[in-house]
Amino acid sequence: MSITEELLQTVEAIEEQYNAGDYIFREHAVPQFYYQIVTGEVKLNRYTEDGKEFIQNIISDRTCIGESMLILGKPYPVNAVALSKCIILKIRREQFFQLLQQHPHIFTDIYSALADITFEKSTLMHTVTSKNAEERLVEIMELMKESHENKDKFSLEIPHTRQQLASLTGLSLETAIRAIKKLEKNNILMIKGRKIFY
């Protein structure tokens, strides 16, 4: 979900640049801004008590970040970290609500996008609680392919690294690599060079 850049500029959007590894916001911070990615890729993550990273989502161009917490006024349950060089537009909370009042269709779009996210999170929770590493990986790749126009076998190039797939599914890197090799052997995915195709 995104709001047109022109509309964001009408409420004095600020453009900020981030480098890979920079935090856009941190877990437990109280939301003050609406953030929208213009270019780049951002991960939403948390760390367990023992320091293991769990990636909840990886999002890119023309997508907003943390809007549900902004609307609720509750602290962020995750970090937002740039995975690449990013340009992000942000507007203050007050301006965001002013924009919603002036353009009610934006609220409807946000509501629809949040419903999609809730569905994906429910599916992902089922995936992460599955004991089988292969099932977890297939389920996450199915979710990625859902929005992909071409549904043919091996038509989707997975845009994530093996480490990111492991973090998205709650697996160790070693387990994810073994499962990926097994899925390739069973002709469920294909590896060309270092790229995974599903």
Protein backbone atom coordinates (compact mmCIF):
# COMPACT_ATOMS: atom_id res chain seq x y z
CA MET A 1 0.00 0.00 0.00
CA SER A 2 1.29 3.44 -0.83
CA ILE A 3 0.10 7.00 -1.04
CA THR A 4 1.13 8.94 -4.13
CA GLU A 5 4.27 10.99 -3.63
CA GLU A 6 2.44 14.07 -4.92
CA LEU A 7 -0.16 13.71 -2.16
CA LEU A 8 2.53 13.22 0.48
CA GLN A 9 4.27 16.37 -0.74
CA THR A 10 1.08 18.38 -0.12
CA VAL A 11 1.52 17.70 3.61
CA GLU A 12 5.22 18.56 3.68
CA ALA A 13 6.74 15.10 3.35
CA ILE A 14 10.42 14.90 4.28
CA GLU A 15 12.75 12.79 2.13
CA GLU A 16 15.43 10.86 4.00
CA GLN A 17 18.21 8.57 2.80
CA TYR A 18 19.37 5.45 4.65
CA ASN A 19 22.28 3.09 4.02
CA ALA A 20 22.16 -0.69 4.44
CA GLY A 21 22.08 -1.48 8.17
CA ASP A 22 20.57 1.88 9.23
CA TYR A 23 17.55 1.75 11.53
CA ILE A 24 14.46 3.60 10.33
CA PHE A 25 12.74 2.93 13.63
CA ARG A 26 13.44 0.65 16.58
CA GLU A 27 11.35 -1.80 18.53
CA HIS A 28 9.51 -0.16 21.49
CA ALA A 29 9.75 3.37 20.02
CA VAL A 30 6.46 5.28 19.89
CA PRO A 31 5.48 6.06 16.26
CA GLN A 32 5.73 9.71 15.31
CA PHE A 33 5.80 9.44 11.50
CA TYR A 34 4.22 7.73 8.52
CA TYR A 35 7.07 6.15 6.49
CA GLN A 36 6.91 5.17 2.83
CA ILE A 37 9.73 3.58 0.84
CA VAL A 38 10.46 5.38 -2.43
CA THR A 39 13.37 3.10 -3.40
CA GLY A 40 15.23 0.33 -1.60
CA GLU A 41 14.48 -2.64 0.59
CA VAL A 42 13.69 -2.77 4.33
CA LYS A 43 13.39 -5.66 6.75
CA LEU A 44 11.13 -5.75 9.79
CA ASN A 45 12.84 -7.83 12.46
CA ARG A 46 13.14 -8.72 16.12
CA TYR A 47 15.80 -10.45 18.13
CA THR A 48 15.21 -13.28 20.60
CA GLU A 49 16.76 -13.12 24.07
CA ASP A 50 19.69 -15.21 22.83
CA GLY A 51 20.30 -12.79 19.94
CA LYS A 52 18.78 -14.82 17.10
CA GLU A 53 17.20 -12.64 14.42
CA PHE A 54 13.64 -13.31 13.32
CA ILE A 55 12.63 -11.42 10.16
CA GLN A 56 8.91 -10.74 10.04
CA ASN A 57 8.86 -9.19 6.58
CA ILE A 58 10.99 -7.76 3.81
CA ILE A 59 9.40 -4.86 1.94
CA SER A 60 10.46 -2.63 -0.91
CA ASP A 61 9.57 0.24 -3.24
CA ARG A 62 6.30 2.14 -2.81
CA THR A 63 5.34 0.39 0.43
CA CYS A 64 4.57 1.99 3.78
CA ILE A 65 6.14 0.84 7.04
CA GLY A 66 4.63 0.69 10.53
CA GLU A 67 1.35 2.37 9.62
CA SER A 68 -0.75 0.12 11.88
CA MET A 69 1.23 1.14 14.98
CA LEU A 70 1.00 4.79 13.91
CA ILE A 71 -2.79 4.50 13.67
CA LEU A 72 -3.01 2.67 17.02
CA GLY A 73 -0.49 4.95 18.74
CA LYS A 74 1.28 1.89 20.20
CA PRO A 75 5.04 1.22 20.32
CA TYR A 76 6.58 -0.66 17.41
CA PRO A 77 6.83 -4.42 18.04
CA VAL A 78 9.69 -4.66 15.49
CA ASN A 79 12.70 -2.82 14.12
CA ALA A 80 12.74 -1.44 10.57
CA VAL A 81 16.25 -1.79 9.11
CA ALA A 82 17.43 -0.79 5.62
CA LEU A 83 18.71 -3.78 3.66
CA SER A 84 19.99 -1.56 0.86
CA LYS A 85 20.40 2.13 0.15
CA CYS A 86 16.90 3.54 0.67
CA ILE A 87 15.02 6.75 0.04
CA ILE A 88 12.06 7.13 2.37
CA LEU A 89 9.37 9.80 2.59
CA LYS A 90 7.98 10.56 6.02
CA ILE A 91 5.23 12.78 7.36
CA ARG A 92 4.33 13.62 10.95
CA ARG A 93 1.49 11.72 12.61
CA GLU A 94 -0.75 14.81 12.70
CA GLN A 95 -0.25 15.41 8.98
CA PHE A 96 -0.98 11.75 8.27
CA PHE A 97 -4.38 11.97 10.01
CA GLN A 98 -5.08 15.27 8.27
CA LEU A 99 -4.40 13.51 4.94
CA LEU A 100 -6.81 10.69 5.87
CA GLN A 101 -9.55 13.22 6.64
CA GLN A 102 -9.02 15.02 3.35
CA HIS A 103 -8.80 11.80 1.30
CA PRO A 104 -10.97 9.05 2.89
CA HIS A 105 -10.16 6.60 0.06
CA ILE A 106 -6.62 6.35 1.50
CA PHE A 107 -8.05 4.95 4.74
CA THR A 108 -9.97 2.32 2.76
CA ASP A 109 -6.76 1.36 0.92
CA ILE A 110 -4.85 1.10 4.22
CA TYR A 111 -7.65 -0.98 5.76
CA SER A 112 -7.53 -3.39 2.81
CA ALA A 113 -3.71 -3.63 2.94
CA LEU A 114 -3.78 -4.30 6.69
CA ALA A 115 -6.35 -7.08 6.16
CA ASP A 116 -3.97 -8.68 3.63
CA ILE A 117 -1.08 -8.39 6.09
CA THR A 118 -3.18 -10.02 8.84
CA PHE A 119 -3.97 -12.92 6.52
CA GLU A 120 -0.29 -13.33 5.59
CA LYS A 121 0.79 -13.19 9.24
CA SER A 122 -1.74 -15.88 10.19
CA THR A 123 -0.43 -18.07 7.39
CA LEU A 124 3.16 -17.35 8.39
CA MET A 125 2.47 -18.25 12.04
CA HIS A 126 1.15 -21.62 10.89
CA THR A 127 4.29 -22.02 8.77
CA VAL A 128 6.70 -21.17 11.58
CA THR A 129 5.03 -23.61 13.99
CA SER A 130 5.33 -26.48 11.50
CA LYS A 131 8.05 -28.95 12.50
CA ASN A 132 9.11 -29.62 8.91
CA ALA A 133 11.74 -27.23 7.48
CA GLU A 134 10.77 -28.01 3.88
CA GLU A 135 7.11 -27.21 4.58
CA ARG A 136 8.09 -23.89 6.14
CA LEU A 137 10.15 -22.89 3.11
CA VAL A 138 7.52 -24.00 0.59
CA GLU A 139 4.81 -22.08 2.46
CA ILE A 140 6.83 -18.85 2.51
CA MET A 141 7.61 -19.22 -1.21
CA GLU A 142 3.91 -19.87 -1.91
CA LEU A 143 3.08 -16.60 -0.13
CA MET A 144 5.63 -14.79 -2.31
CA LYS A 145 4.24 -16.37 -5.47
CA GLU A 146 0.65 -15.43 -4.58
CA SER A 147 1.14 -11.87 -5.83
CA HIS A 148 3.25 -13.01 -8.79
CA GLU A 149 1.37 -12.98 -12.11
CA ASN A 150 3.11 -16.03 -13.61
CA LYS A 151 2.25 -19.12 -11.51
CA ASP A 152 4.28 -21.58 -13.63
CA LYS A 153 6.75 -23.85 -11.87
CA PHE A 154 10.13 -22.13 -11.34
CA SER A 155 8.77 -18.79 -12.66
CA LEU A 156 9.45 -16.86 -9.44
CA GLU A 157 13.01 -15.83 -8.64
CA ILE A 158 13.11 -15.73 -4.84
CA PRO A 159 14.33 -12.22 -3.97
CA HIS A 160 15.85 -13.25 -0.63
CA THR A 161 19.13 -14.76 0.51
CA ARG A 162 19.26 -18.14 2.22
CA GLN A 163 19.92 -16.33 5.51
CA GLN A 164 16.82 -14.17 5.01
CA LEU A 165 14.71 -17.25 4.18
CA ALA A 166 16.01 -18.89 7.35
CA SER A 167 15.16 -15.82 9.44
CA LEU A 168 11.70 -15.52 7.84
CA THR A 169 10.88 -19.14 8.73
CA GLY A 170 12.56 -19.37 12.13
CA LEU A 171 15.17 -21.88 10.91
CA SER A 172 18.91 -21.90 11.37
CA LEU A 173 20.91 -21.11 8.24
CA GLU A 174 22.29 -24.65 8.12
CA THR A 175 18.81 -26.20 8.36
CA ALA A 176 17.48 -23.86 5.66
CA ILE A 177 20.36 -24.76 3.31
CA ARG A 178 19.79 -28.50 3.85
CA ALA A 179 16.05 -28.08 3.26
CA ILE A 180 16.63 -26.05 0.09
CA LYS A 181 18.94 -28.77 -1.28
CA LYS A 182 16.31 -31.41 -0.45
CA LEU A 183 13.60 -29.35 -2.19
CA GLU A 184 15.84 -29.01 -5.24
CA LYS A 185 16.47 -32.79 -5.27
CA ASN A 186 12.69 -33.37 -5.11
CA ASN A 187 12.18 -30.94 -8.05
CA ILE A 188 10.12 -28.51 -5.93
CA LEU A 189 12.49 -25.61 -6.56
CA MET A 190 15.38 -24.98 -8.93
CA ILE A 191 18.77 -23.40 -8.26
CA LYS A 192 20.55 -21.53 -11.07
CA GLY A 193 23.90 -20.16 -9.96
CA ARG A 194 23.10 -18.90 -6.45
CA LYS A 195 19.49 -17.97 -7.29
CA ILE A 196 16.47 -19.95 -6.14
CA PHE A 197 13.49 -20.30 -8.50
CA TYR A 198 10.10 -21.54 -7.28
